[in-house]
């Protein structure tokens, strides 16, 4: 796993590497992910996902959408994992609420187990199978963590070209 750096200027001009961020293979598709101005972007995104964006804005931190290339297969895998975790958490919260209202301790207990299992799945999926983007506006950079070496090589070439264009 590599840590890649993209320039904000390239993002604003619609340029991004042509390699999948996860597999390193050629990719013509891209998805937009959130970049957060926080050194702990992994923790925020793993626990809260896109809900961390308003939290960052309340803390007066910048956020930005970043296009990252990814193959359709890998994007589908990530969406399924995140969706399963979300369903588990929602079902667990539903059981907690309904069990609390009806006085069923078993439903509340099972709901807590489902919520914890859903959060563990979400965090594990994010940390081992997805990337995070840290926004560094002072330097004009976006740091992308846990990228494939093929994506990293393309990002380095693009970064160097961007710096040379600005001279």
C-alpha atoms as a PDB file:
ATOM      1  CA  UNK A   1       0.000   0.000   0.000  1.00  0.00           C
ATOM      2  CA  UNK A   2       1.244   3.433  -0.933  1.00  0.00           C
ATOM      3  CA  UNK A   3       0.415   6.986   0.059  1.00  0.00           C
ATOM      4  CA  UNK A   4      -0.135   9.188  -2.984  1.00  0.00           C
ATOM      5  CA  UNK A   5      -0.307  12.962  -3.286  1.00  0.00           C
ATOM      6  CA  UNK A   6      -2.506  14.826  -5.767  1.00  0.00           C
ATOM      7  CA  UNK A   7      -2.560  18.573  -6.358  1.00  0.00           C
ATOM      8  CA  UNK A   8      -5.721  20.556  -5.703  1.00  0.00           C
ATOM      9  CA  UNK A   9      -5.057  22.516  -8.908  1.00  0.00           C
ATOM     10  CA  UNK A  10      -5.212  19.289 -10.940  1.00  0.00           C
ATOM     11  CA  UNK A  11      -8.493  18.347  -9.266  1.00  0.00           C
ATOM     12  CA  UNK A  12      -9.961  21.757 -10.080  1.00  0.00           C
ATOM     13  CA  UNK A  13      -8.909  21.349 -13.709  1.00  0.00           C
ATOM     14  CA  UNK A  14     -10.477  17.874 -13.890  1.00  0.00           C
ATOM     15  CA  UNK A  15      -7.236  15.880 -14.049  1.00  0.00           C
ATOM     16  CA  UNK A  16      -6.692  12.654 -12.142  1.00  0.00           C
ATOM     17  CA  UNK A  17      -4.568   9.520 -12.702  1.00  0.00           C
ATOM     18  CA  UNK A  18      -5.822   6.932 -15.189  1.00  0.00           C
ATOM     19  CA  UNK A  19      -5.134   3.960 -12.895  1.00  0.00           C
ATOM     20  CA  UNK A  20      -7.582   2.390 -10.443  1.00  0.00           C
ATOM     21  CA  UNK A  21      -6.814   3.577  -6.929  1.00  0.00           C
ATOM     22  CA  UNK A  22      -7.382   0.048  -5.518  1.00  0.00           C
ATOM     23  CA  UNK A  23      -6.096  -2.350  -8.205  1.00  0.00           C
ATOM     24  CA  UNK A  24      -3.704  -0.187 -10.235  1.00  0.00           C
ATOM     25  CA  UNK A  25      -5.222  -1.339 -13.539  1.00  0.00           C
ATOM     26  CA  UNK A  26      -6.282   1.082 -16.264  1.00  0.00           C
ATOM     27  CA  UNK A  27      -9.629   2.665 -15.476  1.00  0.00           C
ATOM     28  CA  UNK A  28     -11.748   5.190 -17.313  1.00  0.00           C
ATOM     29  CA  UNK A  29     -14.386   5.424 -14.575  1.00  0.00           C
ATOM     30  CA  UNK A  30     -14.159   7.501 -11.426  1.00  0.00           C
ATOM     31  CA  UNK A  31     -16.063   8.116  -8.220  1.00  0.00           C
ATOM     32  CA  UNK A  32     -16.118  11.192  -6.049  1.00  0.00           C
ATOM     33  CA  UNK A  33     -15.002  10.780  -2.455  1.00  0.00           C
ATOM     34  CA  UNK A  34     -14.683  13.316   0.345  1.00  0.00           C
ATOM     35  CA  UNK A  35     -11.333  14.808   1.299  1.00  0.00           C
ATOM     36  CA  UNK A  36     -11.279  16.259   4.804  1.00  0.00           C
ATOM     37  CA  UNK A  37      -8.888  18.741   6.354  1.00  0.00           C
ATOM     38  CA  UNK A  38      -7.903  16.519   9.276  1.00  0.00           C
ATOM     39  CA  UNK A  39      -4.875  14.420  10.162  1.00  0.00           C
ATOM     40  CA  UNK A  40      -7.341  11.843  11.527  1.00  0.00           C
ATOM     41  CA  UNK A  41      -9.368  11.508   8.340  1.00  0.00           C
ATOM     42  CA  UNK A  42      -9.185   7.688   8.609  1.00  0.00           C
ATOM     43  CA  UNK A  43     -10.918   7.694  11.984  1.00  0.00           C
ATOM     44  CA  UNK A  44     -13.601  10.184  10.945  1.00  0.00           C
ATOM     45  CA  UNK A  45     -14.450   8.434   7.682  1.00  0.00           C
ATOM     46  CA  UNK A  46     -14.250   4.904   9.102  1.00  0.00           C
ATOM     47  CA  UNK A  47     -16.658   5.685  11.916  1.00  0.00           C
ATOM     48  CA  UNK A  48     -19.010   8.262  10.397  1.00  0.00           C
ATOM     49  CA  UNK A  49     -18.527   7.986   6.641  1.00  0.00           C
ATOM     50  CA  UNK A  50     -20.009  10.944   4.748  1.00  0.00           C
ATOM     51  CA  UNK A  51     -21.647  12.139   7.985  1.00  0.00           C
ATOM     52  CA  UNK A  52     -18.182  13.376   9.007  1.00  0.00           C
ATOM     53  CA  UNK A  53     -18.426  16.181   6.401  1.00  0.00           C
ATOM     54  CA  UNK A  54     -20.885  18.346   8.396  1.00  0.00           C
ATOM     55  CA  UNK A  55     -18.860  17.629  11.547  1.00  0.00           C
ATOM     56  CA  UNK A  56     -15.740  18.978   9.814  1.00  0.00           C
ATOM     57  CA  UNK A  57     -17.638  22.027   8.605  1.00  0.00           C
ATOM     58  CA  UNK A  58     -18.861  22.711  12.151  1.00  0.00           C
ATOM     59  CA  UNK A  59     -15.223  22.526  13.255  1.00  0.00           C
ATOM     60  CA  UNK A  60     -14.420  25.081  10.515  1.00  0.00           C
ATOM     61  CA  UNK A  61     -12.338  22.625   8.519  1.00  0.00           C
ATOM     62  CA  UNK A  62     -12.375  22.495   4.738  1.00  0.00           C
ATOM     63  CA  UNK A  63     -13.886  19.627   2.775  1.00  0.00           C
ATOM     64  CA  UNK A  64     -13.698  18.849  -0.917  1.00  0.00           C
ATOM     65  CA  UNK A  65     -15.024  16.231  -3.347  1.00  0.00           C
ATOM     66  CA  UNK A  66     -12.202  14.414  -5.134  1.00  0.00           C
ATOM     67  CA  UNK A  67     -12.589  12.238  -8.234  1.00  0.00           C
ATOM     68  CA  UNK A  68     -10.651   8.979  -7.951  1.00  0.00           C
ATOM     69  CA  UNK A  69     -10.458   6.376 -10.713  1.00  0.00           C
ATOM     70  CA  UNK A  70     -11.776   2.936  -9.808  1.00  0.00           C
ATOM     71  CA  UNK A  71     -12.911  -0.127 -11.711  1.00  0.00           C
ATOM     72  CA  UNK A  72     -16.616  -0.951 -11.657  1.00  0.00           C
ATOM     73  CA  UNK A  73     -15.909  -4.305  -9.992  1.00  0.00           C
ATOM     74  CA  UNK A  74     -14.017  -2.776  -7.046  1.00  0.00           C
ATOM     75  CA  UNK A  75     -16.584  -0.012  -6.633  1.00  0.00           C
ATOM     76  CA  UNK A  76     -19.340  -2.642  -6.477  1.00  0.00           C
ATOM     77  CA  UNK A  77     -17.446  -4.605  -3.816  1.00  0.00           C
ATOM     78  CA  UNK A  78     -17.009  -1.478  -1.680  1.00  0.00           C
ATOM     79  CA  UNK A  79     -20.666  -0.463  -2.057  1.00  0.00           C
ATOM     80  CA  UNK A  80     -21.833  -3.949  -1.017  1.00  0.00           C
ATOM     81  CA  UNK A  81     -19.599  -3.989   2.063  1.00  0.00           C
ATOM     82  CA  UNK A  82     -20.646  -0.513   3.133  1.00  0.00           C
ATOM     83  CA  UNK A  83     -24.307  -1.328   2.429  1.00  0.00           C
ATOM     84  CA  UNK A  84     -24.248  -4.514   4.517  1.00  0.00           C
ATOM     85  CA  UNK A  85     -22.687  -2.626   7.419  1.00  0.00           C
ATOM     86  CA  UNK A  86     -25.336   0.096   7.126  1.00  0.00           C
ATOM     87  CA  UNK A  87     -28.190  -2.430   7.073  1.00  0.00           C
ATOM     88  CA  UNK A  88     -26.761  -4.184  10.141  1.00  0.00           C
ATOM     89  CA  UNK A  89     -26.506  -0.897  12.059  1.00  0.00           C
ATOM     90  CA  UNK A  90     -30.005   0.245  11.068  1.00  0.00           C
ATOM     91  CA  UNK A  91     -31.534  -3.124  11.989  1.00  0.00           C
ATOM     92  CA  UNK A  92     -29.686  -3.052  15.291  1.00  0.00           C
ATOM     93  CA  UNK A  93     -30.908   0.460  16.102  1.00  0.00           C
ATOM     94  CA  UNK A  94     -34.427  -0.624  15.167  1.00  0.00           C
ATOM     95  CA  UNK A  95     -34.237  -3.566  17.544  1.00  0.00           C
ATOM     96  CA  UNK A  96     -32.856  -1.346  20.307  1.00  0.00           C
ATOM     97  CA  UNK A  97     -35.717   1.146  19.921  1.00  0.00           C
ATOM     98  CA  UNK A  98     -38.479  -1.457  19.572  1.00  0.00           C
ATOM     99  CA  UNK A  99     -37.060  -3.570  22.399  1.00  0.00           C
ATOM    100  CA  UNK A 100     -36.840  -0.521  24.642  1.00  0.00           C
ATOM    101  CA  UNK A 101     -40.439   0.439  23.924  1.00  0.00           C
ATOM    102  CA  UNK A 102     -41.824  -3.070  24.403  1.00  0.00           C
ATOM    103  CA  UNK A 103     -39.565  -3.956  27.331  1.00  0.00           C
ATOM    104  CA  UNK A 104     -37.805  -6.856  25.606  1.00  0.00           C
ATOM    105  CA  UNK A 105     -34.253  -7.092  26.891  1.00  0.00           C
ATOM    106  CA  UNK A 106     -33.390  -9.798  24.337  1.00  0.00           C
ATOM    107  CA  UNK A 107     -34.240  -7.520  21.412  1.00  0.00           C
ATOM    108  CA  UNK A 108     -32.185  -4.688  22.902  1.00  0.00           C
ATOM    109  CA  UNK A 109     -29.220  -7.023  23.475  1.00  0.00           C
ATOM    110  CA  UNK A 110     -29.379  -8.426  19.955  1.00  0.00           C
ATOM    111  CA  UNK A 111     -29.724  -4.884  18.596  1.00  0.00           C
ATOM    112  CA  UNK A 112     -26.567  -3.807  20.416  1.00  0.00           C
ATOM    113  CA  UNK A 113     -24.729  -6.834  19.012  1.00  0.00           C
ATOM    114  CA  UNK A 114     -25.905  -5.975  15.479  1.00  0.00           C
ATOM    115  CA  UNK A 115     -24.839  -2.325  15.810  1.00  0.00           C
ATOM    116  CA  UNK A 116     -21.392  -3.292  17.125  1.00  0.00           C
ATOM    117  CA  UNK A 117     -20.940  -5.936  14.400  1.00  0.00           C
ATOM    118  CA  UNK A 118     -22.045  -3.439  11.732  1.00  0.00           C
ATOM    119  CA  UNK A 119     -19.594  -0.817  12.960  1.00  0.00           C
ATOM    120  CA  UNK A 120     -16.759  -3.360  13.110  1.00  0.00           C
ATOM    121  CA  UNK A 121     -17.551  -4.417   9.532  1.00  0.00           C
ATOM    122  CA  UNK A 122     -17.641  -0.790   8.389  1.00  0.00           C
ATOM    123  CA  UNK A 123     -14.350   0.120  10.052  1.00  0.00           C
ATOM    124  CA  UNK A 124     -12.648  -3.074   8.862  1.00  0.00           C
ATOM    125  CA  UNK A 125     -13.908  -2.612   5.306  1.00  0.00           C
ATOM    126  CA  UNK A 126     -12.803   1.015   5.243  1.00  0.00           C
ATOM    127  CA  UNK A 127      -9.351   0.457   6.714  1.00  0.00           C
ATOM    128  CA  UNK A 128      -8.486  -2.662   4.712  1.00  0.00           C
ATOM    129  CA  UNK A 129     -10.347  -2.236   1.421  1.00  0.00           C
ATOM    130  CA  UNK A 130     -10.767   1.488   0.756  1.00  0.00           C
ATOM    131  CA  UNK A 131      -8.794   4.731   0.596  1.00  0.00           C
ATOM    132  CA  UNK A 132      -8.956   7.971   2.539  1.00  0.00           C
ATOM    133  CA  UNK A 133      -8.221  11.501   1.367  1.00  0.00           C
ATOM    134  CA  UNK A 134      -6.682  14.142   3.588  1.00  0.00           C
ATOM    135  CA  UNK A 135      -7.037  17.702   2.370  1.00  0.00           C
ATOM    136  CA  UNK A 136      -4.022  19.949   2.946  1.00  0.00           C
ATOM    137  CA  UNK A 137      -5.086  23.359   1.607  1.00  0.00           C
ATOM    138  CA  UNK A 138      -1.965  25.186   2.866  1.00  0.00           C
ATOM    139  CA  UNK A 139       0.245  23.044   0.642  1.00  0.00           C
ATOM    140  CA  UNK A 140      -2.343  22.723  -2.138  1.00  0.00           C
ATOM    141  CA  UNK A 141      -2.315  18.930  -1.843  1.00  0.00           C
ATOM    142  CA  UNK A 142      -4.660  16.001  -1.343  1.00  0.00           C
ATOM    143  CA  UNK A 143      -3.043  12.993   0.359  1.00  0.00           C
ATOM    144  CA  UNK A 144      -4.614   9.674  -0.663  1.00  0.00           C
ATOM    145  CA  UNK A 145      -3.795   6.782   1.671  1.00  0.00           C
ATOM    146  CA  UNK A 146      -3.748   3.027   1.019  1.00  0.00           C
ATOM    147  CA  UNK A 147      -3.425   3.278  -2.765  1.00  0.00           C
ATOM    148  CA  UNK A 148      -2.083   0.705  -5.205  1.00  0.00           C
ATOM    149  CA  UNK A 149       1.491   1.174  -6.444  1.00  0.00           C
ATOM    150  CA  UNK A 150       0.211   1.528 -10.041  1.00  0.00           C
ATOM    151  CA  UNK A 151      -1.999   4.431  -9.018  1.00  0.00           C
ATOM    152  CA  UNK A 152       0.864   5.902  -6.982  1.00  0.00           C
ATOM    153  CA  UNK A 153       3.217   5.883  -9.989  1.00  0.00           C
ATOM    154  CA  UNK A 154       0.605   7.644 -12.135  1.00  0.00           C
ATOM    155  CA  UNK A 155      -0.079  10.152  -9.333  1.00  0.00           C
ATOM    156  CA  UNK A 156       3.646  10.932  -8.984  1.00  0.00           C
ATOM    157  CA  UNK A 157       3.987  11.541 -12.725  1.00  0.00           C
ATOM    158  CA  UNK A 158       0.939  13.793 -12.673  1.00  0.00           C
ATOM    159  CA  UNK A 159       2.237  15.688  -9.621  1.00  0.00           C
ATOM    160  CA  UNK A 160       5.607  16.338 -11.271  1.00  0.00           C
ATOM    161  CA  UNK A 161       3.910  17.485 -14.485  1.00  0.00           C
ATOM    162  CA  UNK A 162       1.670  19.815 -12.473  1.00  0.00           C
ATOM    163  CA  UNK A 163       4.595  21.375 -10.639  1.00  0.00           C
ATOM    164  CA  UNK A 164       6.446  21.861 -13.933  1.00  0.00           C
ATOM    165  CA  UNK A 165       3.369  23.532 -15.513  1.00  0.00           C
ATOM    166  CA  UNK A 166       3.243  26.075 -12.677  1.00  0.00           C
ATOM    167  CA  UNK A 167       6.856  27.256 -13.177  1.00  0.00           C
END
